[in-house]
Amino acid sequence: MLYCEKCGLMEFPKICPATIIAVRDGNR
């Protein structure tokens, strides 16, 4: 974690949730 001594803000590593999408249509 990184923090700011002046205002107290705490920062943690960024992880962005995302989707991988397989769209099916029968055999396609």
PDB file of all heavy atoms in Angstrom:
ATOM      1  N   MET A   1       0.845  -1.181   0.000  1.00  0.00           N
ATOM      2  CA  MET A   1       0.000   0.000   0.000  1.00  0.00           C
ATOM      3  C   MET A   1       0.887   1.239   0.000  1.00  0.00           C
ATOM      4  O   MET A   1       1.957   1.249   0.605  1.00  0.00           O
ATOM      5  CB  MET A   1      -0.915  -0.026   1.233  1.00  0.00           C
ATOM      6  CG  MET A   1      -1.858   1.161   1.353  1.00  0.00           C
ATOM      7  SD  MET A   1      -1.273   2.387   2.526  1.00  0.00           S
ATOM      8  CE  MET A   1      -1.602   1.541   4.082  1.00  0.00           C
ATOM      9  N   LEU A   2       0.447   2.271  -0.696  1.00  0.00           N
ATOM     10  CA  LEU A   2       1.090   3.576  -0.651  1.00  0.00           C
ATOM     11  C   LEU A   2       0.159   4.524   0.088  1.00  0.00           C
ATOM     12  O   LEU A   2      -1.059   4.487  -0.117  1.00  0.00           O
ATOM     13  CB  LEU A   2       1.369   4.093  -2.064  1.00  0.00           C
ATOM     14  CG  LEU A   2       2.371   3.291  -2.891  1.00  0.00           C
ATOM     15  CD1 LEU A   2       2.392   3.792  -4.334  1.00  0.00           C
ATOM     16  CD2 LEU A   2       3.755   3.363  -2.288  1.00  0.00           C
ATOM     17  N   TYR A   3       0.724   5.377   0.930  1.00  0.00           N
ATOM     18  CA  TYR A   3      -0.116   6.278   1.703  1.00  0.00           C
ATOM     19  C   TYR A   3       0.464   7.689   1.684  1.00  0.00           C
ATOM     20  O   TYR A   3       1.657   7.900   1.434  1.00  0.00           O
ATOM     21  CB  TYR A   3      -0.265   5.788   3.142  1.00  0.00           C
ATOM     22  CG  TYR A   3       1.021   5.799   3.939  1.00  0.00           C
ATOM     23  CD1 TYR A   3       1.377   6.906   4.718  1.00  0.00           C
ATOM     24  CD2 TYR A   3       1.877   4.701   3.924  1.00  0.00           C
ATOM     25  CE1 TYR A   3       2.561   6.918   5.447  1.00  0.00           C
ATOM     26  CE2 TYR A   3       3.056   4.713   4.643  1.00  0.00           C
ATOM     27  CZ  TYR A   3       3.396   5.821   5.400  1.00  0.00           C
ATOM     28  OH  TYR A   3       4.567   5.833   6.112  1.00  0.00           O
ATOM     29  N   CYS A   4      -0.402   8.640   1.934  1.00  0.00           N
ATOM     30  CA  CYS A   4      -0.013  10.048   1.979  1.00  0.00           C
ATOM     31  C   CYS A   4       0.066  10.493   3.436  1.00  0.00           C
ATOM     32  O   CYS A   4      -0.926  10.419   4.166  1.00  0.00           O
ATOM     33  CB  CYS A   4      -1.026  10.903   1.215  1.00  0.00           C
ATOM     34  SG  CYS A   4      -0.686  12.679   1.301  1.00  0.00           S
ATOM     35  N   GLU A   5       1.246  10.930   3.858  1.00  0.00           N
ATOM     36  CA  GLU A   5       1.413  11.377   5.244  1.00  0.00           C
ATOM     37  C   GLU A   5       0.639  12.660   5.527  1.00  0.00           C
ATOM     38  O   GLU A   5       0.253  12.920   6.660  1.00  0.00           O
ATOM     39  CB  GLU A   5       2.898  11.595   5.539  1.00  0.00           C
ATOM     40  CG  GLU A   5       3.720  10.314   5.600  1.00  0.00           C
ATOM     41  CD  GLU A   5       5.166  10.581   5.951  1.00  0.00           C
ATOM     42  OE1 GLU A   5       5.701  11.617   5.485  1.00  0.00           O
ATOM     43  OE2 GLU A   5       5.755   9.771   6.689  1.00  0.00           O
ATOM     44  N   LYS A   6       0.383  13.438   4.482  1.00  0.00           N
ATOM     45  CA  LYS A   6      -0.263  14.735   4.678  1.00  0.00           C
ATOM     46  C   LYS A   6      -1.770  14.610   4.865  1.00  0.00           C
ATOM     47  O   LYS A   6      -2.332  15.181   5.811  1.00  0.00           O
ATOM     48  CB  LYS A   6       0.043  15.660   3.507  1.00  0.00           C
ATOM     49  CG  LYS A   6      -0.493  17.075   3.681  1.00  0.00           C
ATOM     50  CD  LYS A   6      -0.050  17.975   2.536  1.00  0.00           C
ATOM     51  CE  LYS A   6      -0.560  19.397   2.728  1.00  0.00           C
ATOM     52  NZ  LYS A   6      -0.114  20.300   1.626  1.00  0.00           N
ATOM     53  N   CYS A   7      -2.439  13.886   3.977  1.00  0.00           N
ATOM     54  CA  CYS A   7      -3.905  13.825   4.052  1.00  0.00           C
ATOM     55  C   CYS A   7      -4.450  12.450   4.423  1.00  0.00           C
ATOM     56  O   CYS A   7      -5.652  12.283   4.610  1.00  0.00           O
ATOM     57  CB  CYS A   7      -4.528  14.297   2.745  1.00  0.00           C
ATOM     58  SG  CYS A   7      -4.358  13.135   1.367  1.00  0.00           S
ATOM     59  N   GLY A   8      -3.570  11.430   4.503  1.00  0.00           N
ATOM     60  CA  GLY A   8      -4.006  10.117   4.951  1.00  0.00           C
ATOM     61  C   GLY A   8      -4.565   9.204   3.874  1.00  0.00           C
ATOM     62  O   GLY A   8      -5.020   8.097   4.178  1.00  0.00           O
ATOM     63  N   LEU A   9      -4.545   9.618   2.605  1.00  0.00           N
ATOM     64  CA  LEU A   9      -5.079   8.773   1.533  1.00  0.00           C
ATOM     65  C   LEU A   9      -4.256   7.495   1.406  1.00  0.00           C
ATOM     66  O   LEU A   9      -3.030   7.542   1.456  1.00  0.00           O
ATOM     67  CB  LEU A   9      -5.065   9.534   0.211  1.00  0.00           C
ATOM     68  CG  LEU A   9      -5.632   8.779  -1.001  1.00  0.00           C
ATOM     69  CD1 LEU A   9      -7.136   8.600  -0.855  1.00  0.00           C
ATOM     70  CD2 LEU A   9      -5.303   9.503  -2.299  1.00  0.00           C
ATOM     71  N   MET A  10      -4.943   6.356   1.234  1.00  0.00           N
ATOM     72  CA  MET A  10      -4.270   5.069   1.034  1.00  0.00           C
ATOM     73  C   MET A  10      -4.583   4.555  -0.366  1.00  0.00           C
ATOM     74  O   MET A  10      -5.723   4.607  -0.818  1.00  0.00           O
ATOM     75  CB  MET A  10      -4.735   4.060   2.083  1.00  0.00           C
ATOM     76  CG  MET A  10      -4.366   4.439   3.504  1.00  0.00           C
ATOM     77  SD  MET A  10      -4.845   3.175   4.713  1.00  0.00           S
ATOM     78  CE  MET A  10      -6.641   3.285   4.619  1.00  0.00           C
ATOM     79  N   GLU A  11      -3.564   4.058  -1.046  1.00  0.00           N
ATOM     80  CA  GLU A  11      -3.723   3.531  -2.397  1.00  0.00           C
ATOM     81  C   GLU A  11      -3.235   2.095  -2.443  1.00  0.00           C
ATOM     82  O   GLU A  11      -2.151   1.779  -1.946  1.00  0.00           O
ATOM     83  CB  GLU A  11      -2.924   4.365  -3.405  1.00  0.00           C
ATOM     84  CG  GLU A  11      -3.449   5.770  -3.631  1.00  0.00           C
ATOM     85  CD  GLU A  11      -4.660   5.809  -4.556  1.00  0.00           C
ATOM     86  OE1 GLU A  11      -5.090   4.725  -5.012  1.00  0.00           O
ATOM     87  OE2 GLU A  11      -5.164   6.909  -4.806  1.00  0.00           O
ATOM     88  N   PHE A  12      -4.054   1.217  -3.068  1.00  0.00           N
ATOM     89  CA  PHE A  12      -3.697  -0.180  -3.237  1.00  0.00           C
ATOM     90  C   PHE A  12      -3.594  -0.490  -4.736  1.00  0.00           C
ATOM     91  O   PHE A  12      -4.171   0.225  -5.559  1.00  0.00           O
ATOM     92  CB  PHE A  12      -4.748  -1.079  -2.582  1.00  0.00           C
ATOM     93  CG  PHE A  12      -4.809  -0.921  -1.089  1.00  0.00           C
ATOM     94  CD1 PHE A  12      -5.604   0.069  -0.499  1.00  0.00           C
ATOM     95  CD2 PHE A  12      -4.060  -1.741  -0.266  1.00  0.00           C
ATOM     96  CE1 PHE A  12      -5.660   0.225   0.872  1.00  0.00           C
ATOM     97  CE2 PHE A  12      -4.105  -1.592   1.117  1.00  0.00           C
ATOM     98  CZ  PHE A  12      -4.904  -0.611   1.686  1.00  0.00           C
ATOM     99  N   PRO A  13      -2.883  -1.556  -5.115  1.00  0.00           N
ATOM    100  CA  PRO A  13      -2.733  -1.874  -6.543  1.00  0.00           C
ATOM    101  C   PRO A  13      -4.073  -1.966  -7.258  1.00  0.00           C
ATOM    102  O   PRO A  13      -5.046  -2.501  -6.732  1.00  0.00           O
ATOM    103  CB  PRO A  13      -2.010  -3.225  -6.532  1.00  0.00           C
ATOM    104  CG  PRO A  13      -1.197  -3.177  -5.278  1.00  0.00           C
ATOM    105  CD  PRO A  13      -2.068  -2.458  -4.276  1.00  0.00           C
ATOM    106  N   LYS A  14      -4.090  -1.441  -8.477  1.00  0.00           N
ATOM    107  CA  LYS A  14      -5.312  -1.387  -9.271  1.00  0.00           C
ATOM    108  C   LYS A  14      -5.547  -2.710  -9.986  1.00  0.00           C
ATOM    109  O   LYS A  14      -4.646  -3.245 -10.635  1.00  0.00           O
ATOM    110  CB  LYS A  14      -5.197  -0.266 -10.315  1.00  0.00           C
ATOM    111  CG  LYS A  14      -6.407  -0.127 -11.220  1.00  0.00           C
ATOM    112  CD  LYS A  14      -6.181   0.967 -12.262  1.00  0.00           C
ATOM    113  CE  LYS A  14      -5.162   0.582 -13.291  1.00  0.00           C
ATOM    114  NZ  LYS A  14      -5.038   1.541 -14.398  1.00  0.00           N
ATOM    115  N   ILE A  15      -6.761  -3.232  -9.864  1.00  0.00           N
ATOM    116  CA  ILE A  15      -7.182  -4.413 -10.616  1.00  0.00           C
ATOM    117  C   ILE A  15      -8.533  -4.107 -11.246  1.00  0.00           C
ATOM    118  O   ILE A  15      -9.493  -3.790 -10.536  1.00  0.00           O
ATOM    119  CB  ILE A  15      -7.293  -5.655  -9.717  1.00  0.00           C
ATOM    120  CG1 ILE A  15      -5.953  -5.937  -9.025  1.00  0.00           C
ATOM    121  CG2 ILE A  15      -7.719  -6.877 -10.539  1.00  0.00           C
ATOM    122  CD1 ILE A  15      -6.023  -7.038  -7.997  1.00  0.00           C
ATOM    123  N   CYS A  16      -8.628  -4.183 -12.566  1.00  0.00           N
ATOM    124  CA  CYS A  16      -9.861  -3.838 -13.278  1.00  0.00           C
ATOM    125  C   CYS A  16     -10.609  -5.113 -13.672  1.00  0.00           C
ATOM    126  O   CYS A  16     -10.058  -5.959 -14.387  1.00  0.00           O
ATOM    127  CB  CYS A  16      -9.537  -3.036 -14.534  1.00  0.00           C
ATOM    128  SG  CYS A  16      -8.602  -1.529 -14.232  1.00  0.00           S
ATOM    129  N   PRO A  17     -11.859  -5.286 -13.230  1.00  0.00           N
ATOM    130  CA  PRO A  17     -12.639  -6.454 -13.658  1.00  0.00           C
ATOM    131  C   PRO A  17     -13.118  -6.301 -15.098  1.00  0.00           C
ATOM    132  O   PRO A  17     -13.593  -5.243 -15.502  1.00  0.00           O
ATOM    133  CB  PRO A  17     -13.818  -6.463 -12.680  1.00  0.00           C
ATOM    134  CG  PRO A  17     -13.973  -5.028 -12.266  1.00  0.00           C
ATOM    135  CD  PRO A  17     -12.597  -4.431 -12.282  1.00  0.00           C
ATOM    136  N   ALA A  18     -12.966  -7.370 -15.867  1.00  0.00           N
ATOM    137  CA  ALA A  18     -13.375  -7.346 -17.277  1.00  0.00           C
ATOM    138  C   ALA A  18     -13.887  -8.722 -17.681  1.00  0.00           C
ATOM    139  O   ALA A  18     -13.579  -9.734 -17.042  1.00  0.00           O
ATOM    140  CB  ALA A  18     -12.217  -6.917 -18.169  1.00  0.00           C
ATOM    141  N   THR A  19     -14.659  -8.754 -18.750  1.00  0.00           N
ATOM    142  CA  THR A  19     -15.254  -9.998 -19.217  1.00  0.00           C
ATOM    143  C   THR A  19     -14.659 -10.436 -20.552  1.00  0.00           C
ATOM    144  O   THR A  19     -14.306  -9.617 -21.392  1.00  0.00           O
ATOM    145  CB  THR A  19     -16.772  -9.835 -19.410  1.00  0.00           C
ATOM    146  OG1 THR A  19     -17.024  -8.712 -20.286  1.00  0.00           O
ATOM    147  CG2 THR A  19     -17.461  -9.582 -18.081  1.00  0.00           C
ATOM    148  N   ILE A  20     -14.544 -11.749 -20.720  1.00  0.00           N
ATOM    149  CA  ILE A  20     -14.271 -12.389 -22.007  1.00  0.00           C
ATOM    150  C   ILE A  20     -15.543 -13.158 -22.359  1.00  0.00           C
ATOM    151  O   ILE A  20     -16.031 -13.959 -21.546  1.00  0.00           O
ATOM    152  CB  ILE A  20     -13.065 -13.338 -21.932  1.00  0.00           C
ATOM    153  CG1 ILE A  20     -11.801 -12.581 -21.545  1.00  0.00           C
ATOM    154  CG2 ILE A  20     -12.882 -14.068 -23.256  1.00  0.00           C
ATOM    155  CD1 ILE A  20     -11.331 -11.581 -22.578  1.00  0.00           C
ATOM    156  N   ILE A  21     -16.087 -12.924 -23.538  1.00  0.00           N
ATOM    157  CA  ILE A  21     -17.440 -13.398 -23.838  1.00  0.00           C
ATOM    158  C   ILE A  21     -17.454 -14.260 -25.091  1.00  0.00           C
ATOM    159  O   ILE A  21     -17.143 -13.793 -26.195  1.00  0.00           O
ATOM    160  CB  ILE A  21     -18.400 -12.204 -24.039  1.00  0.00           C
ATOM    161  CG1 ILE A  21     -18.276 -11.219 -22.867  1.00  0.00           C
ATOM    162  CG2 ILE A  21     -19.833 -12.701 -24.183  1.00  0.00           C
ATOM    163  CD1 ILE A  21     -18.841  -9.849 -23.160  1.00  0.00           C
ATOM    164  N   ALA A  22     -17.814 -15.527 -24.923  1.00  0.00           N
ATOM    165  CA  ALA A  22     -17.966 -16.456 -26.043  1.00  0.00           C
ATOM    166  C   ALA A  22     -19.451 -16.585 -26.360  1.00  0.00           C
ATOM    167  O   ALA A  22     -20.205 -17.208 -25.609  1.00  0.00           O
ATOM    168  CB  ALA A  22     -17.367 -17.807 -25.696  1.00  0.00           C
ATOM    169  N   VAL A  23     -19.881 -15.995 -27.466  1.00  0.00           N
ATOM    170  CA  VAL A  23     -21.284 -16.037 -27.871  1.00  0.00           C
ATOM    171  C   VAL A  23     -21.492 -17.233 -28.799  1.00  0.00           C
ATOM    172  O   VAL A  23     -20.868 -17.330 -29.860  1.00  0.00           O
ATOM    173  CB  VAL A  23     -21.700 -14.742 -28.588  1.00  0.00           C
ATOM    174  CG1 VAL A  23     -23.184 -14.791 -28.954  1.00  0.00           C
ATOM    175  CG2 VAL A  23     -21.404 -13.527 -27.707  1.00  0.00           C
ATOM    176  N   ARG A  24     -22.393 -18.144 -28.390  1.00  0.00           N
ATOM    177  CA  ARG A  24     -22.663 -19.351 -29.165  1.00  0.00           C
ATOM    178  C   ARG A  24     -24.027 -19.262 -29.855  1.00  0.00           C
ATOM    179  O   ARG A  24     -24.941 -18.615 -29.371  1.00  0.00           O
ATOM    180  CB  ARG A  24     -22.673 -20.584 -28.253  1.00  0.00           C
ATOM    181  CG  ARG A  24     -21.419 -20.768 -27.418  1.00  0.00           C
ATOM    182  CD  ARG A  24     -21.588 -21.878 -26.401  1.00  0.00           C
ATOM    183  NE  ARG A  24     -22.620 -21.569 -25.410  1.00  0.00           N
ATOM    184  CZ  ARG A  24     -22.780 -22.210 -24.264  1.00  0.00           C
ATOM    185  NH1 ARG A  24     -21.984 -23.228 -23.961  1.00  0.00           N
ATOM    186  NH2 ARG A  24     -23.731 -21.883 -23.425  1.00  0.00           N
ATOM    187  N   ASP A  25     -24.116 -19.944 -30.977  1.00  0.00           N
ATOM    188  CA  ASP A  25     -25.403 -20.135 -31.652  1.00  0.00           C
ATOM    189  C   ASP A  25     -25.405 -21.552 -32.198  1.00  0.00           C
ATOM    190  O   ASP A  25     -24.985 -21.800 -33.324  1.00  0.00           O
ATOM    191  CB  ASP A  25     -25.592 -19.123 -32.780  1.00  0.00           C
ATOM    192  CG  ASP A  25     -26.923 -19.309 -33.507  1.00  0.00           C
ATOM    193  OD1 ASP A  25     -27.900 -19.727 -32.848  1.00  0.00           O
ATOM    194  OD2 ASP A  25     -26.976 -19.052 -34.718  1.00  0.00           O
ATOM    195  N   GLY A  26     -25.812 -22.500 -31.350  1.00  0.00           N
ATOM    196  CA  GLY A  26     -25.739 -23.901 -31.736  1.00  0.00           C
ATOM    197  C   GLY A  26     -24.299 -24.337 -31.937  1.00  0.00           C
ATOM    198  O   GLY A  26     -23.497 -24.330 -31.006  1.00  0.00           O
ATOM    199  N   ASN A  27     -23.962 -24.677 -33.173  1.00  0.00           N
ATOM    200  CA  ASN A  27     -22.624 -25.152 -33.519  1.00  0.00           C
ATOM    201  C   ASN A  27     -21.696 -24.018 -33.949  1.00  0.00           C
ATOM    202  O   ASN A  27     -20.580 -24.263 -34.405  1.00  0.00           O
ATOM    203  CB  ASN A  27     -22.710 -26.195 -34.647  1.00  0.00           C
ATOM    204  CG  ASN A  27     -21.480 -27.084 -34.712  1.00  0.00           C
ATOM    205  OD1 ASN A  27     -21.065 -27.643 -33.695  1.00  0.00           O
ATOM    206  ND2 ASN A  27     -20.889 -27.204 -35.896  1.00  0.00           N
ATOM    207  N   ARG A  28     -22.165 -22.779 -33.783  1.00  0.00           N
ATOM    208  CA  ARG A  28     -21.369 -21.633 -34.226  1.00  0.00           C
ATOM    209  C   ARG A  28     -20.851 -20.837 -33.031  1.00  0.00           C
ATOM    210  O   ARG A  28     -21.471 -20.801 -31.972  1.00  0.00           O
ATOM    211  CB  ARG A  28     -22.195 -20.711 -35.122  1.00  0.00           C
ATOM    212  CG  ARG A  28     -22.701 -21.358 -36.401  1.00  0.00           C
ATOM    213  CD  ARG A  28     -23.284 -20.311 -37.348  1.00  0.00           C
ATOM    214  NE  ARG A  28     -24.394 -19.579 -36.741  1.00  0.00           N
ATOM    215  CZ  ARG A  28     -24.944 -18.476 -37.281  1.00  0.00           C
ATOM    216  NH1 ARG A  28     -24.482 -18.002 -38.430  1.00  0.00           N
ATOM    217  NH2 ARG A  28     -25.964 -17.880 -36.683  1.00  0.00           N
TER     218      ARG A  28
END
